[in-house]
Amino acid sequence: MHPPLTLHRHPMCAEIIEQFQKCHVDHPLGKFFGECTDLKIKLDRCFREEKALKRKANFEESKKLKERLRAHRKERLDASLEDKNLAQA
């Protein structure tokens, strides 16, 4: 099963999606007997590649966010320790 075949959500696979949809229109009965199977396999591969790229980009973005959070927490900890030192002095 594949995700909904919306072109705007899968720009990387748009050409294959259009070919696959055209195959279904051109072969209304043949689609049930393997007429469009090659395009379906190409589409599945394209979706896998697209997902892998998105996953990698999301992972890189999360690493940046975690680093920013660590830096922010360190600043807040340093500031609170500084406040305690001033209060004790």
C-alpha atoms as a PDB file:
ATOM      1  CA  MET A   1       0.000   0.000   0.000  1.00  0.00           C
ATOM      2  CA  HIS A   2       1.301   3.447  -0.836  1.00  0.00           C
ATOM      3  CA  PRO A   3       0.495   6.844   0.674  1.00  0.00           C
ATOM      4  CA  PRO A   4      -2.031   9.110  -1.060  1.00  0.00           C
ATOM      5  CA  LEU A   5      -0.728  10.045  -4.489  1.00  0.00           C
ATOM      6  CA  THR A   6      -0.773  13.813  -4.112  1.00  0.00           C
ATOM      7  CA  LEU A   7       1.797  15.566  -6.259  1.00  0.00           C
ATOM      8  CA  HIS A   8       2.388  18.483  -3.900  1.00  0.00           C
ATOM      9  CA  ARG A   9       3.333  16.163  -1.023  1.00  0.00           C
ATOM     10  CA  HIS A  10       5.735  14.077  -3.116  1.00  0.00           C
ATOM     11  CA  PRO A  11       7.538  16.437  -5.502  1.00  0.00           C
ATOM     12  CA  MET A  12      10.443  14.028  -5.856  1.00  0.00           C
ATOM     13  CA  CYS A  13       8.145  11.301  -7.212  1.00  0.00           C
ATOM     14  CA  ALA A  14       5.710  13.489  -9.181  1.00  0.00           C
ATOM     15  CA  GLU A  15       6.671  12.164 -12.601  1.00  0.00           C
ATOM     16  CA  ILE A  16       6.273   8.531 -11.575  1.00  0.00           C
ATOM     17  CA  ILE A  17       2.957   9.288  -9.851  1.00  0.00           C
ATOM     18  CA  GLU A  18       1.613  10.842 -13.053  1.00  0.00           C
ATOM     19  CA  GLN A  19       2.768   7.843 -15.116  1.00  0.00           C
ATOM     20  CA  PHE A  20       1.206   5.436 -12.615  1.00  0.00           C
ATOM     21  CA  GLN A  21      -2.117   7.291 -12.599  1.00  0.00           C
ATOM     22  CA  LYS A  22      -2.093   7.438 -16.423  1.00  0.00           C
ATOM     23  CA  CYS A  23      -1.448   3.687 -16.549  1.00  0.00           C
ATOM     24  CA  HIS A  24      -4.495   3.095 -14.349  1.00  0.00           C
ATOM     25  CA  VAL A  25      -6.630   5.285 -16.622  1.00  0.00           C
ATOM     26  CA  ASP A  26      -5.299   3.691 -19.820  1.00  0.00           C
ATOM     27  CA  HIS A  27      -5.679   0.109 -18.537  1.00  0.00           C
ATOM     28  CA  PRO A  28      -8.801  -0.033 -16.350  1.00  0.00           C
ATOM     29  CA  LEU A  29      -8.837  -3.841 -16.255  1.00  0.00           C
ATOM     30  CA  GLY A  30      -5.162  -4.463 -16.921  1.00  0.00           C
ATOM     31  CA  LYS A  31      -4.228  -2.705 -13.685  1.00  0.00           C
ATOM     32  CA  PHE A  32      -5.693  -5.691 -11.846  1.00  0.00           C
ATOM     33  CA  PHE A  33      -3.565  -8.133 -13.824  1.00  0.00           C
ATOM     34  CA  GLY A  34      -0.131  -6.552 -13.459  1.00  0.00           C
ATOM     35  CA  GLU A  35      -0.164  -4.030 -16.303  1.00  0.00           C
ATOM     36  CA  CYS A  36       1.117  -1.247 -14.022  1.00  0.00           C
ATOM     37  CA  THR A  37       3.273  -3.326 -11.672  1.00  0.00           C
ATOM     38  CA  ASP A  38       6.602  -1.988 -12.964  1.00  0.00           C
ATOM     39  CA  LEU A  39       5.486   1.579 -12.284  1.00  0.00           C
ATOM     40  CA  LYS A  40       4.232   0.553  -8.846  1.00  0.00           C
ATOM     41  CA  ILE A  41       7.650  -0.878  -8.009  1.00  0.00           C
ATOM     42  CA  LYS A  42       9.352   2.333  -9.207  1.00  0.00           C
ATOM     43  CA  LEU A  43       6.901   4.379  -7.147  1.00  0.00           C
ATOM     44  CA  ASP A  44       7.568   2.336  -4.011  1.00  0.00           C
ATOM     45  CA  ARG A  45      11.326   2.776  -4.460  1.00  0.00           C
ATOM     46  CA  CYS A  46      10.909   6.501  -4.970  1.00  0.00           C
ATOM     47  CA  PHE A  47       8.786   6.800  -1.814  1.00  0.00           C
ATOM     48  CA  ARG A  48      11.446   4.895   0.151  1.00  0.00           C
ATOM     49  CA  GLU A  49      14.196   7.207  -1.121  1.00  0.00           C
ATOM     50  CA  GLU A  50      12.098  10.259  -0.369  1.00  0.00           C
ATOM     51  CA  LYS A  51      11.387   9.024   3.154  1.00  0.00           C
ATOM     52  CA  ALA A  52      15.068   8.303   3.770  1.00  0.00           C
ATOM     53  CA  LEU A  53      16.013  11.830   2.702  1.00  0.00           C
ATOM     54  CA  LYS A  54      13.344  13.353   4.933  1.00  0.00           C
ATOM     55  CA  ARG A  55      14.432  11.160   7.838  1.00  0.00           C
ATOM     56  CA  LYS A  56      18.058  12.259   7.407  1.00  0.00           C
ATOM     57  CA  ALA A  57      17.088  15.948   7.217  1.00  0.00           C
ATOM     58  CA  ASN A  58      14.899  15.630  10.320  1.00  0.00           C
ATOM     59  CA  PHE A  59      17.720  13.907  12.192  1.00  0.00           C
ATOM     60  CA  GLU A  60      20.172  16.682  11.303  1.00  0.00           C
ATOM     61  CA  GLU A  61      17.633  19.296  12.371  1.00  0.00           C
ATOM     62  CA  SER A  62      17.068  17.520  15.690  1.00  0.00           C
ATOM     63  CA  LYS A  63      20.831  17.430  16.349  1.00  0.00           C
ATOM     64  CA  LYS A  64      20.985  21.205  15.842  1.00  0.00           C
ATOM     65  CA  LEU A  65      18.007  21.733  18.127  1.00  0.00           C
ATOM     66  CA  LYS A  66      19.480  19.520  20.853  1.00  0.00           C
ATOM     67  CA  GLU A  67      22.753  21.451  20.690  1.00  0.00           C
ATOM     68  CA  ARG A  68      20.908  24.758  21.000  1.00  0.00           C
ATOM     69  CA  LEU A  69      18.963  23.410  23.986  1.00  0.00           C
ATOM     70  CA  ARG A  70      22.163  22.218  25.669  1.00  0.00           C
ATOM     71  CA  ALA A  71      23.758  25.631  25.197  1.00  0.00           C
ATOM     72  CA  HIS A  72      20.649  27.377  26.560  1.00  0.00           C
ATOM     73  CA  ARG A  73      20.507  25.082  29.606  1.00  0.00           C
ATOM     74  CA  LYS A  74      24.221  25.637  30.256  1.00  0.00           C
ATOM     75  CA  GLU A  75      23.735  29.415  30.103  1.00  0.00           C
ATOM     76  CA  ARG A  76      20.815  29.225  32.530  1.00  0.00           C
ATOM     77  CA  LEU A  77      22.760  26.959  34.900  1.00  0.00           C
ATOM     78  CA  ASP A  78      25.776  29.271  34.792  1.00  0.00           C
ATOM     79  CA  ALA A  79      23.544  32.273  35.431  1.00  0.00           C
ATOM     80  CA  SER A  80      21.816  30.611  38.393  1.00  0.00           C
ATOM     81  CA  LEU A  81      25.172  29.567  39.895  1.00  0.00           C
ATOM     82  CA  GLU A  82      26.421  33.114  39.462  1.00  0.00           C
ATOM     83  CA  ASP A  83      23.293  34.456  41.213  1.00  0.00           C
ATOM     84  CA  LYS A  84      23.849  32.053  44.132  1.00  0.00           C
ATOM     85  CA  ASN A  85      27.490  33.097  44.413  1.00  0.00           C
ATOM     86  CA  LEU A  86      26.492  36.787  44.519  1.00  0.00           C
ATOM     87  CA  ALA A  87      23.812  36.074  47.150  1.00  0.00           C
ATOM     88  CA  GLN A  88      26.319  34.219  49.372  1.00  0.00           C
ATOM     89  CA  ALA A  89      28.953  36.959  49.121  1.00  0.00           C
END
